[in-house]
C-alpha cells in the first residue's frame, strides 16, 4: 500500500529558477551541462526533501505539487514600499520566473520524493514577497500506484 500522506518541506534562501542548459566544446565535441548555480540549488532542494522523507518510500502514483515561493524585498526600496510588499499589496513581478522555480524543485526531488516529475499532474503555486525568502513545497499523493 502506498503512503498517501503529503510530504512538506522548506527550501531556505534565495529562490533560483532552473537555468538553461549550457553548451561547451571539449576536444572538438559539444557537451551540455547544467549551470553550477542551478546544480547547487537542486542539491539544496534534494537535501531539504530527503530530511522531510525520513526514510519513507518514494511516491509511486500521480501527485499534486503546491509551491509557495517567497522572495526578498529589494534593499533599495523605501520602508513604505517594503511594508506594502510584505503585506501583499505589491506583487513580485521579477525574477525568478515561477515556472522555472517549479522546474528546479521538480528536478531536485526526482528520485527523492517521487520517481520522476512526470508524476506531477496538478500544480498550485504562488509567488509573494517575504522577510524570509525560500520555497515551501508540499507534494500530495493523489491515488495509489498508476501507470
Protein backbone atom coordinates (compact mmCIF):
# COMPACT_ATOMS: atom_id res chain seq x y z
CA UNK A 1 0.00 0.00 0.00
CA UNK A 2 1.34 3.42 -0.96
CA UNK A 3 1.65 6.05 1.79
CA UNK A 4 -0.83 8.78 0.82
CA UNK A 5 0.34 11.34 3.40
CA UNK A 6 1.68 14.59 1.89
CA UNK A 7 5.38 15.43 2.09
CA UNK A 8 6.12 19.03 3.11
CA UNK A 9 9.43 20.86 3.38
CA UNK A 10 11.01 24.31 3.15
CA UNK A 11 13.94 25.22 0.89
CA UNK A 12 15.60 28.20 2.58
CA UNK A 13 17.36 31.15 0.97
CA UNK A 14 17.30 32.96 -2.33
CA UNK A 15 14.94 31.23 -4.75
CA UNK A 16 16.61 30.21 -8.00
CA UNK A 17 14.85 29.26 -11.21
CA UNK A 18 16.08 26.38 -13.38
CA UNK A 19 18.85 27.70 -15.59
CA UNK A 20 19.01 26.86 -19.27
CA UNK A 21 21.46 24.12 -20.16
CA UNK A 22 24.81 25.47 -21.35
CA UNK A 23 26.96 24.11 -24.14
CA UNK A 24 30.74 23.92 -24.15
CA UNK A 25 33.22 22.34 -26.51
CA UNK A 26 35.70 19.79 -25.20
CA UNK A 27 38.12 18.20 -27.65
CA UNK A 28 36.01 19.35 -30.58
CA UNK A 29 32.82 17.78 -29.19
CA UNK A 30 29.85 19.75 -27.89
CA UNK A 31 28.90 18.95 -24.30
CA UNK A 32 25.79 20.18 -22.48
CA UNK A 33 25.82 20.90 -18.75
CA UNK A 34 23.60 22.39 -16.05
CA UNK A 35 24.80 25.78 -14.74
CA UNK A 36 26.61 25.48 -11.38
CA UNK A 37 24.13 27.81 -9.62
CA UNK A 38 21.22 25.60 -10.72
CA UNK A 39 23.02 22.37 -9.77
CA UNK A 40 23.83 23.74 -6.29
CA UNK A 41 20.22 24.84 -5.76
CA UNK A 42 18.89 21.44 -6.85
CA UNK A 43 21.24 19.81 -4.31
CA UNK A 44 19.83 22.08 -1.55
CA UNK A 45 16.30 21.11 -2.64
CA UNK A 46 17.16 17.40 -2.55
CA UNK A 47 18.69 17.71 0.94
CA UNK A 48 15.59 19.53 2.27
CA UNK A 49 13.29 16.92 0.70
CA UNK A 50 15.36 13.98 1.96
CA UNK A 51 15.08 15.27 5.51
CA UNK A 52 11.29 15.51 5.14
CA UNK A 53 11.02 11.98 3.69
CA UNK A 54 12.58 10.43 6.84
CA UNK A 55 13.24 7.11 5.12
CA UNK A 56 9.77 6.89 3.57
CA UNK A 57 9.37 5.09 0.22
CA UNK A 58 9.17 7.12 -2.99
CA UNK A 59 5.68 8.17 -4.02
CA UNK A 60 4.64 5.97 -6.92
CA UNK A 61 1.46 7.50 -8.35
CA UNK A 62 0.25 10.88 -9.55
CA UNK A 63 0.86 13.89 -7.31
CA UNK A 64 -0.29 17.44 -6.72
CA UNK A 65 2.50 19.93 -6.03
CA UNK A 66 1.88 23.07 -4.01
CA UNK A 67 4.62 25.72 -4.03
CA UNK A 68 4.70 28.93 -2.02
CA UNK A 69 7.60 30.93 -3.44
CA UNK A 70 8.86 33.68 -1.13
CA UNK A 71 11.23 36.33 -2.49
CA UNK A 72 13.09 39.03 -0.59
CA UNK A 73 12.14 42.69 -0.84
CA UNK A 74 14.77 44.84 -2.58
CA UNK A 75 17.06 46.51 -0.04
CA UNK A 76 16.82 49.76 -2.01
CA UNK A 77 13.04 50.06 -1.52
CA UNK A 78 11.56 52.61 0.87
CA UNK A 79 10.11 51.46 4.18
CA UNK A 80 6.63 52.26 2.86
CA UNK A 81 7.06 50.21 -0.32
CA UNK A 82 8.71 47.35 1.61
CA UNK A 83 5.82 47.28 4.09
CA UNK A 84 3.31 47.22 1.22
CA UNK A 85 5.21 44.34 -0.41
CA UNK A 86 5.30 42.32 2.82
CA UNK A 87 1.57 42.98 3.32
CA UNK A 88 0.84 41.52 -0.13
CA UNK A 89 -0.17 44.82 -1.73
CA UNK A 90 2.80 44.72 -4.13
CA UNK A 91 3.41 41.52 -6.09
CA UNK A 92 6.87 40.28 -7.13
CA UNK A 93 6.95 40.60 -10.91
CA UNK A 94 10.70 39.99 -11.04
CA UNK A 95 12.97 37.02 -11.50
CA UNK A 96 12.92 34.17 -10.83
CA UNK A 97 10.06 33.05 -13.06
CA UNK A 98 7.61 30.87 -11.14
CA UNK A 99 7.67 28.15 -13.82
CA UNK A 100 11.47 27.92 -13.68
CA UNK A 101 11.33 27.56 -9.87
CA UNK A 102 8.83 24.71 -10.35
CA UNK A 103 11.24 23.02 -12.79
CA UNK A 104 14.14 23.34 -10.34
CA UNK A 105 12.05 21.93 -7.47
CA UNK A 106 10.79 19.01 -9.59
CA UNK A 107 14.29 18.14 -10.79
CA UNK A 108 15.66 18.47 -7.26
CA UNK A 109 13.17 15.97 -5.81
CA UNK A 110 13.31 13.41 -8.64
CA UNK A 111 14.32 10.15 -7.01
CA UNK A 112 13.95 11.68 -3.54
CA UNK A 113 10.18 12.24 -3.08
CA UNK A 114 8.81 10.63 -6.24
CA UNK A 115 10.31 8.50 -9.00
CA UNK A 116 10.01 11.10 -11.76
CA UNK A 117 8.46 14.52 -12.28
CA UNK A 118 6.13 13.08 -14.94
CA UNK A 119 4.02 12.06 -11.92
CA UNK A 120 3.10 15.74 -11.32
CA UNK A 121 -0.43 16.11 -12.69
CA UNK A 122 -1.65 19.17 -10.74
CA UNK A 123 0.25 22.28 -9.62
CA UNK A 124 -0.70 25.15 -7.35
CA UNK A 125 1.84 27.90 -6.86
CA UNK A 126 2.12 31.43 -5.58
CA UNK A 127 4.97 33.95 -5.52
CA UNK A 128 4.99 36.67 -2.87
CA UNK A 129 7.41 38.92 -1.02
CA UNK A 130 8.58 37.79 2.41
CA UNK A 131 11.08 38.69 5.10
CA UNK A 132 12.17 35.02 4.93
CA UNK A 133 12.97 34.03 1.33
CA UNK A 134 12.62 30.41 0.24
CA UNK A 135 10.08 27.93 -1.08
CA UNK A 136 7.55 25.92 0.88
CA UNK A 137 6.86 22.70 -1.02
CA UNK A 138 4.03 20.23 -0.46
CA UNK A 139 3.75 17.05 -2.53
CA UNK A 140 0.35 15.39 -2.20
CA UNK A 141 -0.17 11.83 -3.48
CA UNK A 142 -3.49 11.70 -5.32
CA UNK A 143 -4.08 7.94 -5.52
CA UNK A 144 -2.10 4.74 -5.29
CA UNK A 145 0.23 3.38 -7.97
CA UNK A 146 -0.83 4.17 -11.56
CA UNK A 147 0.71 3.89 -14.99
